C-alpha atoms as a PDB file:
ATOM      1  CA  MET A   1     -29.045 -26.306  37.886  1.00  0.00           C
ATOM      2  CA  LYS A   2     -31.130 -29.466  37.430  1.00  0.00           C
ATOM      3  CA  ILE A   3     -34.364 -27.432  37.212  1.00  0.00           C
ATOM      4  CA  ARG A   4     -32.746 -25.087  34.676  1.00  0.00           C
ATOM      5  CA  TRP A   5     -31.729 -27.897  32.316  1.00  0.00           C
ATOM      6  CA  SER A   6     -35.067 -29.641  32.715  1.00  0.00           C
ATOM      7  CA  LYS A   7     -36.816 -26.388  31.735  1.00  0.00           C
ATOM      8  CA  ILE A   8     -34.648 -26.140  28.627  1.00  0.00           C
ATOM      9  CA  LEU A   9     -35.549 -29.723  27.727  1.00  0.00           C
ATOM     10  CA  LEU A  10     -39.232 -29.033  28.358  1.00  0.00           C
ATOM     11  CA  PHE A  11     -39.038 -25.923  26.166  1.00  0.00           C
ATOM     12  CA  VAL A  12     -37.651 -27.981  23.276  1.00  0.00           C
ATOM     13  CA  VAL A  13     -40.281 -30.702  23.795  1.00  0.00           C
ATOM     14  CA  CYS A  14     -43.069 -28.105  23.773  1.00  0.00           C
ATOM     15  CA  LEU A  15     -41.738 -26.712  20.499  1.00  0.00           C
ATOM     16  CA  SER A  16     -41.515 -30.153  18.875  1.00  0.00           C
ATOM     17  CA  PRO A  17     -45.051 -30.011  17.377  1.00  0.00           C
ATOM     18  CA  LEU A  18     -44.088 -26.770  15.625  1.00  0.00           C
ATOM     19  CA  PHE A  19     -40.864 -28.368  14.368  1.00  0.00           C
ATOM     20  CA  TRP A  20     -42.901 -31.282  13.031  1.00  0.00           C
ATOM     21  CA  ALA A  21     -45.328 -28.973  11.220  1.00  0.00           C
ATOM     22  CA  GLY A  22     -42.386 -27.014   9.809  1.00  0.00           C
ATOM     23  CA  TRP A  23     -40.781 -30.227   8.573  1.00  0.00           C
ATOM     24  CA  ARG A  24     -44.001 -31.258   6.826  1.00  0.00           C
ATOM     25  CA  ALA A  25     -44.292 -27.793   5.282  1.00  0.00           C
ATOM     26  CA  TRP A  26     -40.691 -27.989   4.041  1.00  0.00           C
ATOM     27  CA  ASN A  27     -41.486 -31.315   2.379  1.00  0.00           C
ATOM     28  CA  GLN A  28     -44.779 -29.975   1.004  1.00  0.00           C
ATOM     29  CA  ASP A  29     -46.693 -32.549   3.029  1.00  0.00           C
ATOM     30  CA  LEU A  30     -49.482 -30.454   4.548  1.00  0.00           C
ATOM     31  CA  THR A  31     -52.214 -32.464   2.753  1.00  0.00           C
ATOM     32  CA  ALA A  32     -54.341 -31.186  -0.121  1.00  0.00           C
ATOM     33  CA  ASN A  33     -55.707 -28.382   2.083  1.00  0.00           C
ATOM     34  CA  PRO A  34     -52.760 -26.826   3.973  1.00  0.00           C
ATOM     35  CA  ILE A  35     -54.833 -24.127   5.685  1.00  0.00           C
ATOM     36  CA  GLU A  36     -57.267 -26.684   7.086  1.00  0.00           C
ATOM     37  CA  TYR A  37     -54.366 -28.867   8.217  1.00  0.00           C
ATOM     38  CA  ILE A  38     -52.622 -25.988  10.015  1.00  0.00           C
ATOM     39  CA  THR A  39     -55.908 -24.881  11.592  1.00  0.00           C
ATOM     40  CA  HIS A  40     -56.647 -28.332  13.012  1.00  0.00           C
ATOM     41  CA  PHE A  41     -53.009 -28.947  13.983  1.00  0.00           C
ATOM     42  CA  THR A  42     -52.641 -25.759  16.012  1.00  0.00           C
ATOM     43  CA  GLY A  43     -56.115 -26.165  17.519  1.00  0.00           C
ATOM     44  CA  ASP A  44     -55.384 -29.718  18.654  1.00  0.00           C
ATOM     45  CA  TRP A  45     -52.151 -28.680  20.329  1.00  0.00           C
ATOM     46  CA  THR A  46     -53.813 -25.721  22.014  1.00  0.00           C
ATOM     47  CA  ILE A  47     -56.359 -27.887  23.827  1.00  0.00           C
ATOM     48  CA  ARG A  48     -53.687 -30.488  24.608  1.00  0.00           C
ATOM     49  CA  PHE A  49     -51.439 -27.921  26.249  1.00  0.00           C
ATOM     50  CA  ILE A  50     -54.369 -26.525  28.222  1.00  0.00           C
ATOM     51  CA  ILE A  51     -55.037 -30.041  29.504  1.00  0.00           C
ATOM     52  CA  PHE A  52     -51.323 -30.537  30.264  1.00  0.00           C
ATOM     53  CA  THR A  53     -51.356 -27.280  32.255  1.00  0.00           C
ATOM     54  CA  LEU A  54     -54.412 -28.314  34.261  1.00  0.00           C
ATOM     55  CA  ALA A  55     -52.920 -31.760  34.913  1.00  0.00           C
ATOM     56  CA  ILE A  56     -49.732 -30.502  36.561  1.00  0.00           C
ATOM     57  CA  SER A  57     -51.271 -29.573  39.929  1.00  0.00           C
ATOM     58  CA  PRO A  58     -53.110 -32.877  40.561  1.00  0.00           C
ATOM     59  CA  LEU A  59     -50.260 -35.001  39.208  1.00  0.00           C
ATOM     60  CA  ARG A  60     -47.608 -33.316  41.346  1.00  0.00           C
ATOM     61  CA  LYS A  61     -49.665 -34.104  44.449  1.00  0.00           C
ATOM     62  CA  LEU A  62     -50.678 -37.620  43.458  1.00  0.00           C
ATOM     63  CA  LEU A  63     -47.104 -38.527  42.472  1.00  0.00           C
ATOM     64  CA  SER A  64     -45.435 -36.527  45.284  1.00  0.00           C
ATOM     65  CA  GLN A  65     -43.507 -34.339  42.843  1.00  0.00           C
ATOM     66  CA  PRO A  66     -43.964 -30.797  44.209  1.00  0.00           C
ATOM     67  CA  GLN A  67     -41.203 -29.403  41.977  1.00  0.00           C
ATOM     68  CA  TRP A  68     -43.416 -29.923  38.917  1.00  0.00           C
ATOM     69  CA  ILE A  69     -45.224 -26.686  39.778  1.00  0.00           C
ATOM     70  CA  LYS A  70     -42.163 -24.849  38.426  1.00  0.00           C
ATOM     71  CA  TYR A  71     -43.063 -26.024  34.908  1.00  0.00           C
ATOM     72  CA  ARG A  72     -46.734 -25.035  34.907  1.00  0.00           C
ATOM     73  CA  ARG A  73     -46.148 -21.457  33.773  1.00  0.00           C
ATOM     74  CA  MET A  74     -44.137 -22.552  30.737  1.00  0.00           C
ATOM     75  CA  VAL A  75     -46.684 -25.175  29.700  1.00  0.00           C
ATOM     76  CA  GLY A  76     -49.501 -22.647  30.118  1.00  0.00           C
ATOM     77  CA  LEU A  77     -47.678 -20.096  27.963  1.00  0.00           C
ATOM     78  CA  PHE A  78     -47.212 -22.714  25.262  1.00  0.00           C
ATOM     79  CA  ALA A  79     -50.983 -23.310  25.360  1.00  0.00           C
ATOM     80  CA  PHE A  80     -51.411 -19.596  24.629  1.00  0.00           C
ATOM     81  CA  PHE A  81     -48.694 -19.742  21.960  1.00  0.00           C
ATOM     82  CA  TYR A  82     -50.423 -22.512  20.008  1.00  0.00           C
ATOM     83  CA  GLY A  83     -53.773 -20.810  20.591  1.00  0.00           C
ATOM     84  CA  PHE A  84     -52.308 -17.633  19.089  1.00  0.00           C
ATOM     85  CA  LEU A  85     -51.064 -19.588  16.056  1.00  0.00           C
ATOM     86  CA  HIS A  86     -54.529 -21.156  15.735  1.00  0.00           C
ATOM     87  CA  PHE A  87     -56.187 -17.740  15.885  1.00  0.00           C
ATOM     88  CA  MET A  88     -53.722 -16.188  13.426  1.00  0.00           C
ATOM     89  CA  THR A  89     -54.300 -19.029  10.960  1.00  0.00           C
ATOM     90  CA  TRP A  90     -57.987 -18.130  10.935  1.00  0.00           C
ATOM     91  CA  LEU A  91     -57.374 -14.373  10.982  1.00  0.00           C
ATOM     92  CA  TRP A  92     -54.632 -14.278   8.339  1.00  0.00           C
ATOM     93  CA  LEU A  93     -54.717 -17.344   6.099  1.00  0.00           C
ATOM     94  CA  ASP A  94     -58.483 -17.880   6.185  1.00  0.00           C
ATOM     95  CA  LYS A  95     -59.975 -14.370   6.512  1.00  0.00           C
ATOM     96  CA  PHE A  96     -57.067 -12.222   5.247  1.00  0.00           C
ATOM     97  CA  PHE A  97     -57.652  -9.721   8.091  1.00  0.00           C
ATOM     98  CA  ASP A  98     -61.127  -8.910   6.748  1.00  0.00           C
ATOM     99  CA  MET A  99     -62.862  -7.636   9.911  1.00  0.00           C
ATOM    100  CA  GLN A 100     -66.320  -7.725   8.338  1.00  0.00           C
ATOM    101  CA  GLU A 101     -65.950 -11.378   7.379  1.00  0.00           C
ATOM    102  CA  MET A 102     -64.575 -12.190  10.831  1.00  0.00           C
ATOM    103  CA  VAL A 103     -67.544 -10.604  12.590  1.00  0.00           C
ATOM    104  CA  LYS A 104     -69.953 -12.476  10.310  1.00  0.00           C
ATOM    105  CA  ASP A 105     -68.123 -15.729  11.071  1.00  0.00           C
ATOM    106  CA  ILE A 106     -68.285 -15.180  14.818  1.00  0.00           C
ATOM    107  CA  VAL A 107     -72.008 -14.301  14.739  1.00  0.00           C
ATOM    108  CA  LYS A 108     -73.175 -17.008  12.312  1.00  0.00           C
ATOM    109  CA  ARG A 109     -70.960 -19.945  13.301  1.00  0.00           C
ATOM    110  CA  PRO A 110     -71.286 -20.946  16.978  1.00  0.00           C
ATOM    111  CA  PHE A 111     -68.067 -22.988  17.013  1.00  0.00           C
ATOM    112  CA  ILE A 112     -66.135 -19.855  15.977  1.00  0.00           C
ATOM    113  CA  THR A 113     -67.784 -17.943  18.824  1.00  0.00           C
ATOM    114  CA  ALA A 114     -66.770 -20.618  21.335  1.00  0.00           C
ATOM    115  CA  GLY A 115     -63.218 -20.619  19.972  1.00  0.00           C
ATOM    116  CA  ALA A 116     -63.000 -16.828  20.225  1.00  0.00           C
ATOM    117  CA  VAL A 117     -64.174 -16.987  23.852  1.00  0.00           C
ATOM    118  CA  ALA A 118     -61.571 -19.662  24.638  1.00  0.00           C
ATOM    119  CA  PHE A 119     -58.768 -17.552  23.150  1.00  0.00           C
ATOM    120  CA  LEU A 120     -59.897 -14.282  24.756  1.00  0.00           C
ATOM    121  CA  LEU A 121     -59.931 -15.948  28.189  1.00  0.00           C
ATOM    122  CA  MET A 122     -56.321 -17.011  27.643  1.00  0.00           C
ATOM    123  CA  ILE A 123     -55.063 -13.463  26.991  1.00  0.00           C
ATOM    124  CA  PRO A 124     -55.232 -12.169  30.604  1.00  0.00           C
ATOM    125  CA  LEU A 125     -53.650 -15.429  31.790  1.00  0.00           C
ATOM    126  CA  ALA A 126     -50.675 -14.950  29.465  1.00  0.00           C
ATOM    127  CA  VAL A 127     -50.322 -11.243  30.290  1.00  0.00           C
ATOM    128  CA  THR A 128     -50.332 -11.826  34.061  1.00  0.00           C
ATOM    129  CA  SER A 129     -48.087 -14.900  34.028  1.00  0.00           C
ATOM    130  CA  THR A 130     -44.975 -13.000  35.143  1.00  0.00           C
ATOM    131  CA  THR A 131     -43.633 -12.829  38.685  1.00  0.00           C
ATOM    132  CA  GLY A 132     -44.193  -9.067  38.654  1.00  0.00           C
ATOM    133  CA  TRP A 133     -47.908  -9.465  38.011  1.00  0.00           C
ATOM    134  CA  ILE A 134     -48.225 -12.098  40.717  1.00  0.00           C
ATOM    135  CA  ARG A 135     -46.612  -9.658  43.161  1.00  0.00           C
ATOM    136  CA  ARG A 136     -48.794  -6.721  42.049  1.00  0.00           C
ATOM    137  CA  MET A 137     -52.076  -8.620  42.193  1.00  0.00           C
ATOM    138  CA  GLY A 138     -51.347 -10.611  45.325  1.00  0.00           C
ATOM    139  CA  GLY A 139     -51.514 -14.384  45.474  1.00  0.00           C
ATOM    140  CA  LYS A 140     -55.254 -14.782  46.043  1.00  0.00           C
ATOM    141  CA  ARG A 141     -56.421 -12.375  43.340  1.00  0.00           C
ATOM    142  CA  TRP A 142     -53.906 -13.831  40.888  1.00  0.00           C
ATOM    143  CA  GLN A 143     -55.095 -17.375  41.603  1.00  0.00           C
ATOM    144  CA  LEU A 144     -58.718 -16.277  41.202  1.00  0.00           C
ATOM    145  CA  LEU A 145     -57.969 -14.712  37.814  1.00  0.00           C
ATOM    146  CA  HIS A 146     -56.078 -17.777  36.625  1.00  0.00           C
ATOM    147  CA  ARG A 147     -59.088 -19.977  37.208  1.00  0.00           C
ATOM    148  CA  LEU A 148     -60.197 -18.576  33.858  1.00  0.00           C
ATOM    149  CA  ILE A 149     -58.191 -21.430  32.376  1.00  0.00           C
ATOM    150  CA  TYR A 150     -61.092 -23.744  33.207  1.00  0.00           C
ATOM    151  CA  GLY A 151     -63.444 -21.483  31.256  1.00  0.00           C
ATOM    152  CA  SER A 152     -60.988 -21.477  28.360  1.00  0.00           C
ATOM    153  CA  ALA A 153     -60.704 -25.279  28.482  1.00  0.00           C
ATOM    154  CA  ILE A 154     -64.488 -25.762  28.508  1.00  0.00           C
ATOM    155  CA  ALA A 155     -64.988 -23.263  25.663  1.00  0.00           C
ATOM    156  CA  GLY A 156     -62.178 -24.965  23.728  1.00  0.00           C
ATOM    157  CA  VAL A 157     -63.804 -28.380  24.065  1.00  0.00           C
ATOM    158  CA  ILE A 158     -67.179 -26.953  22.966  1.00  0.00           C
ATOM    159  CA  HIS A 159     -65.449 -25.271  20.010  1.00  0.00           C
ATOM    160  CA  TYR A 160     -63.927 -28.595  18.981  1.00  0.00           C
ATOM    161  CA  TYR A 161     -67.156 -30.557  19.521  1.00  0.00           C
ATOM    162  CA  TRP A 162     -69.246 -28.164  17.407  1.00  0.00           C
ATOM    163  CA  LEU A 163     -66.554 -28.092  14.741  1.00  0.00           C
ATOM    164  CA  VAL A 164     -66.243 -31.837  14.046  1.00  0.00           C
ATOM    165  CA  LYS A 165     -70.026 -32.536  14.077  1.00  0.00           C
ATOM    166  CA  SER A 166     -69.776 -36.263  13.212  1.00  0.00           C
ATOM    167  CA  ASP A 167     -66.807 -38.042  14.815  1.00  0.00           C
ATOM    168  CA  VAL A 168     -66.909 -36.484  18.288  1.00  0.00           C
ATOM    169  CA  ARG A 169     -64.762 -39.089  20.069  1.00  0.00           C
ATOM    170  CA  LEU A 170     -61.686 -36.884  20.403  1.00  0.00           C
ATOM    171  CA  PRO A 171     -63.465 -33.757  21.723  1.00  0.00           C
ATOM    172  CA  LEU A 172     -65.409 -35.964  24.134  1.00  0.00           C
ATOM    173  CA  PHE A 173     -62.116 -37.480  25.324  1.00  0.00           C
ATOM    174  CA  TYR A 174     -60.639 -34.025  25.876  1.00  0.00           C
ATOM    175  CA  GLY A 175     -63.840 -32.974  27.601  1.00  0.00           C
ATOM    176  CA  ALA A 176     -63.626 -35.973  29.945  1.00  0.00           C
ATOM    177  CA  LEU A 177     -60.051 -35.042  30.875  1.00  0.00           C
ATOM    178  CA  VAL A 178     -61.040 -31.436  31.564  1.00  0.00           C
ATOM    179  CA  GLY A 179     -63.999 -32.693  33.609  1.00  0.00           C
ATOM    180  CA  LEU A 180     -61.751 -34.938  35.713  1.00  0.00           C
ATOM    181  CA  GLU A 181     -59.324 -32.083  36.350  1.00  0.00           C
ATOM    182  CA  LEU A 182     -62.189 -29.794  37.325  1.00  0.00           C
ATOM    183  CA  LEU A 183     -63.644 -32.420  39.664  1.00  0.00           C
ATOM    184  CA  TYR A 184     -60.236 -32.827  41.289  1.00  0.00           C
ATOM    185  CA  ARG A 185     -60.037 -29.068  41.831  1.00  0.00           C
ATOM    186  CA  ILE A 186     -63.520 -28.996  43.383  1.00  0.00           C
ATOM    187  CA  ALA A 187     -62.691 -31.965  45.636  1.00  0.00           C
ATOM    188  CA  ALA A 188     -59.423 -30.311  46.733  1.00  0.00           C
ATOM    189  CA  TRP A 189     -61.276 -27.080  47.500  1.00  0.00           C
ATOM    190  CA  ALA A 190     -63.956 -28.929  49.503  1.00  0.00           C
ATOM    191  CA  THR A 191     -61.279 -30.809  51.466  1.00  0.00           C
ATOM    192  CA  SER A 192     -59.435 -27.595  52.301  1.00  0.00           C
ATOM    193  CA  ARG A 193     -62.663 -26.040  53.616  1.00  0.00           C
ATOM    194  CA  ARG A 194     -63.335 -28.983  55.913  1.00  0.00           C
ATOM    195  CA  PRO A 195     -61.998 -28.449  59.472  1.00  0.00           C
ATOM    196  CA  SER A 196     -59.253 -30.885  60.422  1.00  0.00           C
ATOM    197  CA  PRO A 197     -59.880 -33.430  63.248  1.00  0.00           C
ATOM    198  CA  ARG A 198     -56.866 -32.076  65.122  1.00  0.00           C
ATOM    199  CA  ARG A 199     -58.292 -28.571  65.146  1.00  0.00           C
ATOM    200  CA  ASN A 200     -61.663 -29.865  66.344  1.00  0.00           C
ATOM    201  CA  GLY A 201     -59.916 -31.768  69.130  1.00  0.00           C
ATOM    202  CA  VAL A 202     -58.089 -28.690  70.301  1.00  0.00           C
ATOM    203  CA  GLN A 203     -61.285 -26.676  70.304  1.00  0.00           C
ATOM    204  CA  ALA A 204     -63.053 -29.397  72.346  1.00  0.00           C
ATOM    205  CA  VAL A 205     -60.294 -29.427  74.967  1.00  0.00           C
ATOM    206  CA  THR A 206     -60.170 -25.648  75.323  1.00  0.00           C
ATOM    207  CA  SER A 207     -63.949 -25.177  75.419  1.00  0.00           C
END
């Protein structure tokens, strides 16, 4: 029951950026360029939720909170949700579903290409996030597929860095966080591959 209510609270918290944007829209406070504001707003929250998703595994171990893993799927799906809103802002409000203009944008503007890659990598993660897909694919194959989130995070940071051009402090900060989370994952993998002293001791006794 406690987990259920905490998930409801988390769901509301994850929706709060959208509520805030809706409130500003209701009060006609989306700056002089509403499309640009919505584009940056949804893009910022996409990369933030990707970072939140990546942070859950190391934080639950460092803080001895194993139950936090139950929230990772929801946070990851909200990363896709805001990424979808970001993509639809570009597709609908900016390009008006003009496929020719979209293709030109992707080819000529590298930051659009990086953003498209980041979003495309998120699609299989969202599709296979259900318990049924985990069961069908098997744990190891599912985990291998879901490592695409690191590719999406890296492409997202590159997209942001190439977009801002001048003041790159925020994309560099996000990039540093993604780098730390990736280093933690590599260190955890290397530690798991290292034979334990106890196992070596048993092998020495029995040899």
